[in-house]
């Protein structure tokens, strides 16, 4: 049976979220232009304020409904894999392949918002921190599962490794943005992949 067509208000809201995400990625939240969002979405100002009472409310919704699913989708293969090390290596390789010139220039939207908004807006900080906490907890769970399966070394401290993996990923992307250098990104990711391989147990090598 076919799914019912999405109602027009739902489509309008989703379009606004997607266009706001693109504008925020390009310009940052504070410099993001509502006029640019309206122009790219083809939505009226009245419709925007019907769905979101303020620019800040729109920003919060982008974090929860666009940024969070994007982060989760990127790392879900690691959380679901039988071999979390191989899956994490594949994710790092795919993240590198996905980075277009534009993506390198603008950086990671998640990390950009952390750096820009966490110091100045508690609502942003709490939402972004929760995504970060959930991401770390997911990697911790994957590593512990790997330890139970004999894939990951028993002496690996999962919390420390997860914090390092996230920091390395975001650091590579952030520095590549600063340098506008794909070579830097690729080099950093190779280093992270080499680290991931050190987490393997002898029996899984």
N, C-alpha and C. Protein backbone atom coordinates (compact mmCIF):
# COMPACT_ATOMS: atom_id res chain seq x y z
N UNK A 1 0.85 -1.19 0.00
CA UNK A 1 0.00 0.00 0.00
C UNK A 1 0.88 1.24 0.00
N UNK A 2 0.57 2.19 -0.85
CA UNK A 2 1.37 3.41 -0.92
C UNK A 2 1.22 4.23 0.34
N UNK A 3 2.32 4.87 0.75
CA UNK A 3 2.27 5.78 1.89
C UNK A 3 1.53 7.04 1.49
N UNK A 4 0.73 7.63 2.39
CA UNK A 4 0.07 8.88 2.05
C UNK A 4 1.08 9.97 1.78
N UNK A 5 0.75 10.86 0.86
CA UNK A 5 1.65 11.98 0.55
C UNK A 5 1.84 12.85 1.78
N UNK A 6 3.04 13.33 1.95
CA UNK A 6 3.32 14.20 3.08
C UNK A 6 2.51 15.49 2.94
N UNK A 7 1.90 15.90 4.04
CA UNK A 7 1.07 17.10 4.00
C UNK A 7 1.92 18.32 3.67
N UNK A 8 1.30 19.30 3.01
CA UNK A 8 2.03 20.48 2.58
C UNK A 8 2.75 21.18 3.73
N UNK A 9 2.10 21.38 4.91
CA UNK A 9 2.83 22.04 6.01
C UNK A 9 4.09 21.27 6.42
N UNK A 10 4.01 19.93 6.37
CA UNK A 10 5.19 19.13 6.72
C UNK A 10 6.30 19.33 5.69
N UNK A 11 5.93 19.37 4.41
CA UNK A 11 6.92 19.58 3.36
C UNK A 11 7.55 20.96 3.50
N UNK A 12 6.72 21.96 3.80
CA UNK A 12 7.23 23.32 3.96
C UNK A 12 8.23 23.39 5.11
N UNK A 13 7.88 22.77 6.21
CA UNK A 13 8.76 22.78 7.38
C UNK A 13 10.09 22.10 7.06
N UNK A 14 10.02 20.94 6.40
CA UNK A 14 11.24 20.22 6.07
C UNK A 14 12.11 21.02 5.10
N UNK A 15 11.48 21.67 4.14
CA UNK A 15 12.23 22.51 3.20
C UNK A 15 12.95 23.63 3.93
N UNK A 16 12.27 24.26 4.87
CA UNK A 16 12.89 25.33 5.65
C UNK A 16 14.08 24.80 6.44
N UNK A 17 13.93 23.64 7.05
CA UNK A 17 15.03 23.06 7.82
C UNK A 17 16.24 22.77 6.94
N UNK A 18 16.00 22.21 5.77
CA UNK A 18 17.11 21.87 4.88
C UNK A 18 17.81 23.12 4.36
N UNK A 19 17.03 24.13 4.01
CA UNK A 19 17.64 25.37 3.50
C UNK A 19 18.36 26.12 4.62
N UNK A 20 17.79 26.09 5.83
CA UNK A 20 18.44 26.72 6.97
C UNK A 20 19.76 26.02 7.30
N UNK A 21 19.76 24.70 7.22
CA UNK A 21 21.00 23.94 7.46
C UNK A 21 22.09 24.36 6.48
N UNK A 22 21.74 24.47 5.20
CA UNK A 22 22.72 24.87 4.19
C UNK A 22 23.25 26.28 4.46
N UNK A 23 22.36 27.19 4.81
CA UNK A 23 22.77 28.57 5.08
C UNK A 23 23.65 28.64 6.34
N UNK A 24 23.28 27.88 7.37
CA UNK A 24 24.07 27.86 8.60
C UNK A 24 25.44 27.23 8.36
N UNK A 25 25.48 26.21 7.53
CA UNK A 25 26.77 25.57 7.22
C UNK A 25 27.67 26.54 6.48
N UNK A 26 27.08 27.30 5.59
CA UNK A 26 27.86 28.23 4.77
C UNK A 26 28.30 29.46 5.56
N UNK A 27 27.40 30.00 6.40
CA UNK A 27 27.63 31.31 7.01
C UNK A 27 27.77 31.29 8.52
N UNK A 28 27.46 30.15 9.17
CA UNK A 28 27.36 30.14 10.61
C UNK A 28 25.96 30.55 11.02
N UNK A 29 25.59 30.25 12.28
CA UNK A 29 24.22 30.56 12.70
C UNK A 29 23.98 32.06 12.81
N UNK A 30 24.89 32.76 13.49
CA UNK A 30 24.63 34.18 13.75
C UNK A 30 24.61 35.01 12.48
N UNK A 31 25.44 34.64 11.50
CA UNK A 31 25.47 35.39 10.24
C UNK A 31 24.46 34.86 9.23
N UNK A 32 23.80 33.76 9.55
CA UNK A 32 22.83 33.18 8.61
C UNK A 32 21.71 34.19 8.34
N UNK A 33 21.35 34.32 7.09
CA UNK A 33 20.35 35.29 6.65
C UNK A 33 18.99 34.62 6.47
N UNK A 34 17.99 35.10 7.20
CA UNK A 34 16.64 34.58 7.00
C UNK A 34 16.15 34.86 5.59
N UNK A 35 16.53 36.01 5.05
CA UNK A 35 16.14 36.33 3.67
C UNK A 35 16.71 35.31 2.69
N UNK A 36 17.96 34.90 2.91
CA UNK A 36 18.57 33.89 2.04
C UNK A 36 17.85 32.55 2.18
N UNK A 37 17.45 32.21 3.40
CA UNK A 37 16.72 30.96 3.63
C UNK A 37 15.37 31.00 2.93
N UNK A 38 14.69 32.14 3.03
CA UNK A 38 13.39 32.28 2.37
C UNK A 38 13.53 32.21 0.86
N UNK A 39 14.57 32.83 0.35
CA UNK A 39 14.76 32.83 -1.11
C UNK A 39 15.05 31.42 -1.62
N UNK A 40 15.93 30.70 -0.93
CA UNK A 40 16.29 29.36 -1.41
C UNK A 40 15.16 28.36 -1.22
N UNK A 41 14.33 28.58 -0.21
CA UNK A 41 13.23 27.65 0.07
C UNK A 41 11.96 27.98 -0.70
N UNK A 42 11.84 29.24 -1.14
CA UNK A 42 10.62 29.66 -1.81
C UNK A 42 9.44 29.77 -0.87
N UNK A 43 9.72 29.94 0.42
CA UNK A 43 8.69 30.01 1.45
C UNK A 43 8.52 31.46 1.89
N UNK A 44 7.32 31.83 2.28
CA UNK A 44 7.06 33.20 2.74
C UNK A 44 7.54 33.37 4.17
N UNK A 45 7.77 34.62 4.55
CA UNK A 45 8.18 34.91 5.93
C UNK A 45 7.10 34.49 6.91
N UNK A 46 5.84 34.68 6.52
CA UNK A 46 4.74 34.27 7.39
C UNK A 46 4.75 32.77 7.65
N UNK A 47 5.04 31.99 6.61
CA UNK A 47 5.09 30.54 6.77
C UNK A 47 6.26 30.14 7.66
N UNK A 48 7.39 30.84 7.52
CA UNK A 48 8.54 30.53 8.37
C UNK A 48 8.18 30.73 9.84
N UNK A 49 7.57 31.86 10.14
CA UNK A 49 7.24 32.15 11.54
C UNK A 49 6.06 31.34 12.04
N UNK A 50 5.28 30.77 11.12
CA UNK A 50 4.24 29.83 11.54
C UNK A 50 4.87 28.56 12.10
N UNK A 51 5.94 28.11 11.48
CA UNK A 51 6.60 26.87 11.91
C UNK A 51 7.63 27.11 13.01
N UNK A 52 8.29 28.24 12.98
CA UNK A 52 9.36 28.54 13.94
C UNK A 52 9.16 29.95 14.45
N UNK A 53 9.01 30.09 15.75
CA UNK A 53 8.69 31.40 16.32
C UNK A 53 9.81 32.41 16.25
N UNK A 54 11.03 31.94 16.02
CA UNK A 54 12.18 32.85 15.98
C UNK A 54 13.31 32.18 15.21
N UNK A 55 14.32 32.96 14.90
CA UNK A 55 15.51 32.40 14.26
C UNK A 55 16.18 31.37 15.17
N UNK A 56 16.19 31.66 16.48
CA UNK A 56 16.79 30.72 17.42
C UNK A 56 16.04 29.40 17.43
N UNK A 57 14.71 29.46 17.42
CA UNK A 57 13.91 28.23 17.38
C UNK A 57 14.21 27.43 16.12
N UNK A 58 14.38 28.11 15.01
CA UNK A 58 14.75 27.45 13.76
C UNK A 58 16.12 26.78 13.91
N UNK A 59 17.07 27.48 14.52
CA UNK A 59 18.40 26.92 14.73
C UNK A 59 18.37 25.67 15.60
N UNK A 60 17.60 25.72 16.68
CA UNK A 60 17.48 24.54 17.54
C UNK A 60 16.90 23.35 16.77
N UNK A 61 15.89 23.62 15.95
CA UNK A 61 15.27 22.55 15.17
C UNK A 61 16.25 21.97 14.16
N UNK A 62 17.08 22.80 13.57
CA UNK A 62 18.10 22.30 12.64
C UNK A 62 19.05 21.35 13.37
N UNK A 63 19.45 21.71 14.57
CA UNK A 63 20.34 20.84 15.35
C UNK A 63 19.69 19.49 15.61
N UNK A 64 18.43 19.51 16.07
CA UNK A 64 17.76 18.27 16.46
C UNK A 64 17.31 17.43 15.27
N UNK A 65 16.88 18.08 14.20
CA UNK A 65 16.21 17.36 13.12
C UNK A 65 17.05 17.19 11.86
N UNK A 66 18.17 17.89 11.77
CA UNK A 66 19.05 17.74 10.61
C UNK A 66 20.45 17.31 11.04
N UNK A 67 21.04 18.05 11.98
CA UNK A 67 22.42 17.73 12.39
C UNK A 67 22.48 16.39 13.12
N UNK A 68 21.58 16.18 14.09
CA UNK A 68 21.61 14.91 14.84
C UNK A 68 21.47 13.70 13.91
N UNK A 69 20.45 13.63 13.04
CA UNK A 69 20.34 12.47 12.15
C UNK A 69 21.56 12.30 11.24
N UNK A 70 22.15 13.42 10.83
CA UNK A 70 23.33 13.36 9.97
C UNK A 70 24.51 12.71 10.71
N UNK A 71 24.74 13.11 11.95
CA UNK A 71 25.82 12.51 12.75
C UNK A 71 25.53 11.03 13.00
N UNK A 72 24.28 10.73 13.38
CA UNK A 72 23.92 9.35 13.69
C UNK A 72 24.05 8.45 12.46
N UNK A 73 23.63 8.93 11.31
CA UNK A 73 23.71 8.12 10.09
C UNK A 73 25.16 7.84 9.71
N UNK A 74 26.04 8.81 9.96
CA UNK A 74 27.46 8.64 9.62
C UNK A 74 28.10 7.50 10.39
N UNK A 75 27.69 7.35 11.67
CA UNK A 75 28.38 6.39 12.54
C UNK A 75 27.56 5.15 12.86
N UNK A 76 26.33 5.07 12.36
CA UNK A 76 25.50 3.89 12.64
C UNK A 76 26.16 2.58 12.20
N UNK A 77 26.87 2.54 11.05
CA UNK A 77 27.50 1.27 10.66
C UNK A 77 28.46 0.71 11.71
N UNK A 78 29.14 1.59 12.43
CA UNK A 78 30.07 1.14 13.47
C UNK A 78 29.31 0.50 14.62
N UNK A 79 28.18 1.08 14.97
CA UNK A 79 27.42 0.61 16.12
C UNK A 79 26.73 -0.72 15.83
N UNK A 80 26.48 -0.99 14.56
CA UNK A 80 25.73 -2.19 14.19
C UNK A 80 26.61 -3.31 13.65
N UNK A 81 27.90 -3.04 13.45
CA UNK A 81 28.77 -4.00 12.77
C UNK A 81 29.21 -5.14 13.67
N UNK A 82 29.52 -6.28 13.04
CA UNK A 82 30.11 -7.38 13.78
C UNK A 82 31.57 -7.11 14.12
N UNK A 83 32.26 -6.39 13.24
CA UNK A 83 33.65 -5.99 13.46
C UNK A 83 33.68 -4.46 13.49
N UNK A 84 33.66 -3.90 14.70
CA UNK A 84 33.55 -2.45 14.82
C UNK A 84 34.80 -1.73 14.31
N UNK A 85 35.96 -2.38 14.38
CA UNK A 85 37.19 -1.75 13.88
C UNK A 85 37.12 -1.60 12.37
N UNK A 86 36.78 -2.68 11.68
CA UNK A 86 36.67 -2.62 10.22
C UNK A 86 35.61 -1.61 9.80
N UNK A 87 34.51 -1.56 10.55
CA UNK A 87 33.44 -0.61 10.22
C UNK A 87 33.89 0.82 10.43
N UNK A 88 34.64 1.08 11.51
CA UNK A 88 35.13 2.43 11.78
C UNK A 88 36.13 2.87 10.72
N UNK A 89 36.99 1.95 10.29
CA UNK A 89 37.93 2.26 9.21
C UNK A 89 37.17 2.62 7.94
N UNK A 90 36.14 1.85 7.62
CA UNK A 90 35.33 2.13 6.43
C UNK A 90 34.64 3.48 6.52
N UNK A 91 34.16 3.84 7.71
CA UNK A 91 33.53 5.15 7.90
C UNK A 91 34.54 6.26 7.65
N UNK A 92 35.73 6.13 8.20
CA UNK A 92 36.77 7.15 7.99
C UNK A 92 37.11 7.30 6.51
N UNK A 93 37.20 6.19 5.82
CA UNK A 93 37.49 6.23 4.38
C UNK A 93 36.35 6.90 3.62
N UNK A 94 35.12 6.59 4.01
CA UNK A 94 33.97 7.18 3.33
C UNK A 94 33.86 8.67 3.62
N UNK A 95 34.11 9.07 4.87
CA UNK A 95 34.09 10.50 5.21
C UNK A 95 35.09 11.27 4.37
N UNK A 96 36.26 10.67 4.14
CA UNK A 96 37.27 11.33 3.32
C UNK A 96 36.80 11.45 1.87
N UNK A 97 36.22 10.37 1.35
CA UNK A 97 35.73 10.40 -0.04
C UNK A 97 34.62 11.43 -0.22
N UNK A 98 33.77 11.58 0.80
CA UNK A 98 32.61 12.48 0.69
C UNK A 98 33.00 13.95 0.72
N UNK A 99 34.18 14.26 1.21
CA UNK A 99 34.55 15.66 1.41
C UNK A 99 34.87 16.33 0.09
N UNK A 100 33.90 17.04 -0.44
CA UNK A 100 34.11 17.83 -1.65
C UNK A 100 34.92 19.07 -1.30
N UNK A 101 35.32 19.82 -2.30
CA UNK A 101 36.02 21.09 -2.06
C UNK A 101 35.16 21.98 -1.19
N UNK A 102 33.85 22.02 -1.46
CA UNK A 102 32.94 22.86 -0.67
C UNK A 102 32.89 22.39 0.77
N UNK A 103 32.82 21.08 0.98
CA UNK A 103 32.74 20.55 2.34
C UNK A 103 34.01 20.84 3.12
N UNK A 104 35.17 20.75 2.46
CA UNK A 104 36.43 21.07 3.13
C UNK A 104 36.47 22.55 3.47
N UNK A 105 35.99 23.38 2.57
CA UNK A 105 36.00 24.83 2.81
C UNK A 105 35.11 25.22 3.99
N UNK A 106 33.94 24.59 4.11
CA UNK A 106 32.99 24.98 5.16
C UNK A 106 33.15 24.19 6.45
N UNK A 107 33.82 23.03 6.41
CA UNK A 107 34.05 22.26 7.61
C UNK A 107 32.85 21.42 8.01
N UNK A 108 32.92 20.86 9.22
CA UNK A 108 31.86 20.00 9.75
C UNK A 108 30.77 20.87 10.36
N UNK A 109 29.52 20.75 9.93
CA UNK A 109 28.46 21.60 10.48
C UNK A 109 28.26 21.40 11.97
N UNK A 110 28.44 20.19 12.45
CA UNK A 110 28.30 19.91 13.88
C UNK A 110 29.38 20.63 14.68
N UNK A 111 30.63 20.45 14.28
CA UNK A 111 31.73 21.09 14.99
C UNK A 111 31.69 22.61 14.85
N UNK A 112 31.28 23.09 13.68
CA UNK A 112 31.16 24.54 13.50
C UNK A 112 30.21 25.14 14.53
N UNK A 113 29.06 24.48 14.72
CA UNK A 113 28.08 25.00 15.67
C UNK A 113 28.58 24.90 17.10
N UNK A 114 29.29 23.83 17.42
CA UNK A 114 29.88 23.72 18.77
C UNK A 114 30.79 24.91 19.03
N UNK A 115 31.68 25.20 18.09
CA UNK A 115 32.64 26.29 18.29
C UNK A 115 31.97 27.65 18.31
N UNK A 116 30.96 27.83 17.46
CA UNK A 116 30.32 29.14 17.38
C UNK A 116 29.33 29.40 18.50
N UNK A 117 28.46 28.41 18.79
CA UNK A 117 27.29 28.69 19.61
C UNK A 117 27.36 28.17 21.04
N UNK A 118 28.14 27.13 21.31
CA UNK A 118 28.18 26.61 22.68
C UNK A 118 28.62 27.65 23.71
N UNK A 119 29.58 28.53 23.39
CA UNK A 119 29.98 29.53 24.39
C UNK A 119 28.96 30.63 24.62
N UNK A 120 28.00 30.80 23.71
CA UNK A 120 27.14 31.99 23.79
C UNK A 120 25.66 31.68 23.93
N UNK A 121 25.25 30.42 23.77
CA UNK A 121 23.83 30.10 23.85
C UNK A 121 23.65 28.73 24.52
N UNK A 122 23.03 28.73 25.68
CA UNK A 122 22.91 27.51 26.46
C UNK A 122 22.02 26.47 25.77
N UNK A 123 20.99 26.95 25.06
CA UNK A 123 20.13 26.02 24.34
C UNK A 123 20.87 25.26 23.27
N UNK A 124 21.70 25.96 22.52
CA UNK A 124 22.54 25.28 21.53
C UNK A 124 23.52 24.35 22.23
N UNK A 125 24.17 24.83 23.30
CA UNK A 125 25.19 24.03 23.96
C UNK A 125 24.62 22.70 24.45
N UNK A 126 23.45 22.74 25.10
CA UNK A 126 22.86 21.51 25.63
C UNK A 126 22.50 20.53 24.53
N UNK A 127 21.94 21.04 23.45
CA UNK A 127 21.55 20.16 22.35
C UNK A 127 22.77 19.53 21.67
N UNK A 128 23.78 20.34 21.45
CA UNK A 128 25.00 19.83 20.81
C UNK A 128 25.75 18.87 21.73
N UNK A 129 25.77 19.18 23.03
CA UNK A 129 26.43 18.30 23.99
C UNK A 129 25.75 16.94 24.02
N UNK A 130 24.41 16.93 23.93
CA UNK A 130 23.69 15.66 23.97
C UNK A 130 24.03 14.80 22.76
N UNK A 131 24.15 15.43 21.59
CA UNK A 131 24.56 14.69 20.39
C UNK A 131 25.95 14.10 20.60
N UNK A 132 26.86 14.92 21.13
CA UNK A 132 28.23 14.46 21.37
C UNK A 132 28.25 13.31 22.37
N UNK A 133 27.47 13.45 23.46
CA UNK A 133 27.42 12.39 24.47
C UNK A 133 26.88 11.09 23.87
N UNK A 134 25.82 11.20 23.07
CA UNK A 134 25.23 10.01 22.47
C UNK A 134 26.20 9.35 21.49
N UNK A 135 26.90 10.17 20.72
CA UNK A 135 27.90 9.66 19.77
C UNK A 135 28.98 8.89 20.53
N UNK A 136 29.51 9.51 21.58
CA UNK A 136 30.56 8.84 22.36
C UNK A 136 30.04 7.55 22.99
N UNK A 137 28.85 7.60 23.58
CA UNK A 137 28.30 6.40 24.21
C UNK A 137 28.09 5.28 23.20
N UNK A 138 27.71 5.65 21.97
CA UNK A 138 27.55 4.64 20.93
C UNK A 138 28.85 3.96 20.58
N UNK A 139 29.92 4.74 20.47
CA UNK A 139 31.23 4.16 20.16
C UNK A 139 31.72 3.31 21.33
N UNK A 140 31.49 3.78 22.56
CA UNK A 140 31.85 2.99 23.74
C UNK A 140 31.15 1.63 23.70
N UNK A 141 29.86 1.65 23.41
CA UNK A 141 29.10 0.39 23.35
C UNK A 141 29.64 -0.53 22.26
N UNK A 142 30.00 0.05 21.11
CA UNK A 142 30.54 -0.76 20.01
C UNK A 142 31.88 -1.38 20.40
N UNK A 143 32.73 -0.60 21.07
CA UNK A 143 34.04 -1.12 21.49
C UNK A 143 33.88 -2.23 22.53
N UNK A 144 32.97 -2.04 23.46
CA UNK A 144 32.75 -3.07 24.49
C UNK A 144 32.19 -4.35 23.86
N UNK A 145 31.30 -4.17 22.90
CA UNK A 145 30.79 -5.33 22.17
C UNK A 145 31.94 -6.03 21.45
N UNK A 146 32.85 -5.23 20.85
CA UNK A 146 34.01 -5.81 20.18
C UNK A 146 34.91 -6.55 21.14
N UNK A 147 35.05 -6.03 22.37
CA UNK A 147 35.85 -6.72 23.37
C UNK A 147 35.21 -8.06 23.74
N UNK A 148 33.89 -8.06 23.89
CA UNK A 148 33.19 -9.29 24.24
C UNK A 148 33.31 -10.33 23.13
N UNK A 149 33.44 -9.87 21.88
CA UNK A 149 33.56 -10.77 20.74
C UNK A 149 35.01 -11.14 20.42
N UNK A 150 35.95 -10.54 21.16
CA UNK A 150 37.35 -10.83 20.92
C UNK A 150 37.96 -10.07 19.77
N UNK A 151 37.28 -9.04 19.28
CA UNK A 151 37.79 -8.22 18.17
C UNK A 151 38.68 -7.10 18.69
N UNK A 152 38.28 -6.50 19.81
CA UNK A 152 38.99 -5.35 20.40
C UNK A 152 39.81 -5.83 21.60
N UNK A 153 41.01 -5.29 21.75
CA UNK A 153 41.87 -5.66 22.88
C UNK A 153 41.16 -5.45 24.21
N UNK A 154 41.36 -6.37 25.12
CA UNK A 154 40.69 -6.30 26.42
C UNK A 154 41.16 -5.12 27.25
N UNK A 155 42.40 -4.63 27.01
CA UNK A 155 42.94 -3.55 27.83
C UNK A 155 42.56 -2.16 27.31
N UNK A 156 41.82 -2.08 26.23
CA UNK A 156 41.40 -0.78 25.71
C UNK A 156 40.35 -0.17 26.64
N UNK A 157 40.57 1.07 27.05
CA UNK A 157 39.58 1.80 27.84
C UNK A 157 38.61 2.44 26.85
N UNK A 158 37.42 1.89 26.76
CA UNK A 158 36.49 2.28 25.70
C UNK A 158 36.14 3.76 25.73
N UNK A 159 35.96 4.30 26.94
CA UNK A 159 35.60 5.73 27.04
C UNK A 159 36.71 6.62 26.50
N UNK A 160 37.95 6.27 26.82
CA UNK A 160 39.09 7.07 26.34
C UNK A 160 39.24 6.95 24.83
N UNK A 161 39.12 5.74 24.33
CA UNK A 161 39.26 5.53 22.88
C UNK A 161 38.16 6.27 22.12
N UNK A 162 36.93 6.22 22.63
CA UNK A 162 35.82 6.91 21.96
C UNK A 162 36.05 8.41 21.92
N UNK A 163 36.50 8.97 23.04
CA UNK A 163 36.77 10.41 23.09
C UNK A 163 37.86 10.78 22.09
N UNK A 164 38.89 9.95 22.00
CA UNK A 164 39.99 10.24 21.07
C UNK A 164 39.53 10.13 19.62
N UNK A 165 38.75 9.11 19.30
CA UNK A 165 38.28 8.92 17.93
C UNK A 165 37.46 10.12 17.47
N UNK A 166 36.53 10.57 18.31
CA UNK A 166 35.71 11.73 17.94
C UNK A 166 36.57 12.97 17.80
N UNK A 167 37.48 13.17 18.74
CA UNK A 167 38.36 14.34 18.68
C UNK A 167 39.23 14.32 17.43
N UNK A 168 39.70 13.14 17.06
CA UNK A 168 40.55 13.03 15.87
C UNK A 168 39.75 13.33 14.60
N UNK A 169 38.54 12.79 14.51
CA UNK A 169 37.71 13.05 13.33
C UNK A 169 37.43 14.54 13.20
N UNK A 170 36.92 15.14 14.28
CA UNK A 170 36.55 16.55 14.21
C UNK A 170 37.78 17.44 14.05
N UNK A 171 38.89 17.05 14.67
CA UNK A 171 40.11 17.83 14.51
C UNK A 171 40.63 17.80 13.08
N UNK A 172 40.60 16.62 12.46
CA UNK A 172 41.04 16.51 11.06
C UNK A 172 40.22 17.41 10.15
N UNK A 173 38.90 17.33 10.31
CA UNK A 173 38.01 18.11 9.45
C UNK A 173 38.18 19.60 9.72
N UNK A 174 38.31 19.97 11.00
CA UNK A 174 38.47 21.38 11.34
C UNK A 174 39.77 21.97 10.83
N UNK A 175 40.87 21.23 10.96
CA UNK A 175 42.14 21.73 10.46
C UNK A 175 42.19 21.76 8.94
N UNK A 176 41.55 20.77 8.31
CA UNK A 176 41.47 20.79 6.84
C UNK A 176 40.69 22.00 6.36
N UNK A 177 39.67 22.39 7.12
CA UNK A 177 38.91 23.61 6.80
C UNK A 177 39.82 24.83 6.89
N UNK A 178 40.60 24.92 7.96
CA UNK A 178 41.49 26.06 8.14
C UNK A 178 42.53 26.14 7.02
N UNK A 179 43.07 24.98 6.65
CA UNK A 179 44.11 24.93 5.62
C UNK A 179 43.54 24.84 4.20
N UNK A 180 42.23 24.52 4.13
CA UNK A 180 41.59 24.26 2.83
C UNK A 180 42.40 23.23 2.05
N UNK A 181 42.67 22.14 2.76
CA UNK A 181 43.60 21.15 2.22
C UNK A 181 43.03 19.74 2.32
N UNK A 182 42.76 19.13 1.18
CA UNK A 182 42.35 17.73 1.16
C UNK A 182 43.50 16.84 1.63
N UNK A 183 44.72 17.20 1.27
CA UNK A 183 45.88 16.39 1.65
C UNK A 183 45.98 16.28 3.17
N UNK A 184 45.71 17.38 3.88
CA UNK A 184 45.77 17.35 5.34
C UNK A 184 44.70 16.41 5.89
N UNK A 185 43.49 16.51 5.33
CA UNK A 185 42.40 15.64 5.77
C UNK A 185 42.76 14.17 5.54
N UNK A 186 43.25 13.86 4.36
CA UNK A 186 43.60 12.47 4.05
C UNK A 186 44.72 11.96 4.95
N UNK A 187 45.70 12.82 5.22
CA UNK A 187 46.81 12.44 6.09
C UNK A 187 46.32 12.17 7.50
N UNK A 188 45.49 13.06 8.02
CA UNK A 188 44.96 12.88 9.36
C UNK A 188 44.11 11.63 9.49
N UNK A 189 43.30 11.36 8.48
CA UNK A 189 42.45 10.17 8.51
C UNK A 189 43.29 8.90 8.43
N UNK A 190 44.37 8.93 7.67
CA UNK A 190 45.27 7.76 7.64
C UNK A 190 45.85 7.50 9.03
N UNK A 191 46.20 8.57 9.74
CA UNK A 191 46.70 8.42 11.10
C UNK A 191 45.65 7.83 12.02
N UNK A 192 44.40 8.29 11.87
CA UNK A 192 43.32 7.75 12.71
C UNK A 192 43.08 6.28 12.39
N UNK A 193 43.10 5.93 11.12
CA UNK A 193 42.91 4.53 10.73
C UNK A 193 44.02 3.66 11.32
N UNK A 194 45.25 4.15 11.30
CA UNK A 194 46.36 3.40 11.90
C UNK A 194 46.11 3.20 13.40
N UNK A 195 45.59 4.24 14.07
CA UNK A 195 45.26 4.10 15.50
C UNK A 195 44.18 3.05 15.70
N UNK A 196 43.13 3.11 14.89
CA UNK A 196 42.03 2.15 15.03
C UNK A 196 42.54 0.71 14.93
N UNK A 197 43.49 0.48 14.04
CA UNK A 197 44.01 -0.88 13.87
C UNK A 197 44.79 -1.35 15.11
N UNK A 198 45.33 -0.40 15.89
CA UNK A 198 46.04 -0.80 17.12
C UNK A 198 45.08 -1.30 18.19
N UNK A 199 43.79 -1.03 18.03
CA UNK A 199 42.80 -1.47 19.01
C UNK A 199 42.44 -2.94 18.84
N UNK A 200 42.85 -3.54 17.74
CA UNK A 200 42.51 -4.93 17.46
C UNK A 200 43.21 -5.89 18.43
N UNK A 201 42.51 -6.94 18.79
CA UNK A 201 43.14 -8.03 19.54
C UNK A 201 44.03 -8.83 18.61
N UNK A 202 44.97 -9.55 19.17
CA UNK A 202 45.88 -10.37 18.34
C UNK A 202 45.10 -11.38 17.50
N UNK A 203 44.07 -11.94 18.11
CA UNK A 203 43.34 -13.01 17.42
C UNK A 203 42.53 -12.51 16.23
N UNK A 204 42.27 -11.19 16.17
CA UNK A 204 41.44 -10.67 15.08
C UNK A 204 42.26 -10.02 13.97
N UNK A 205 43.60 -10.04 14.11
CA UNK A 205 44.45 -9.41 13.10
C UNK A 205 44.63 -10.32 11.88
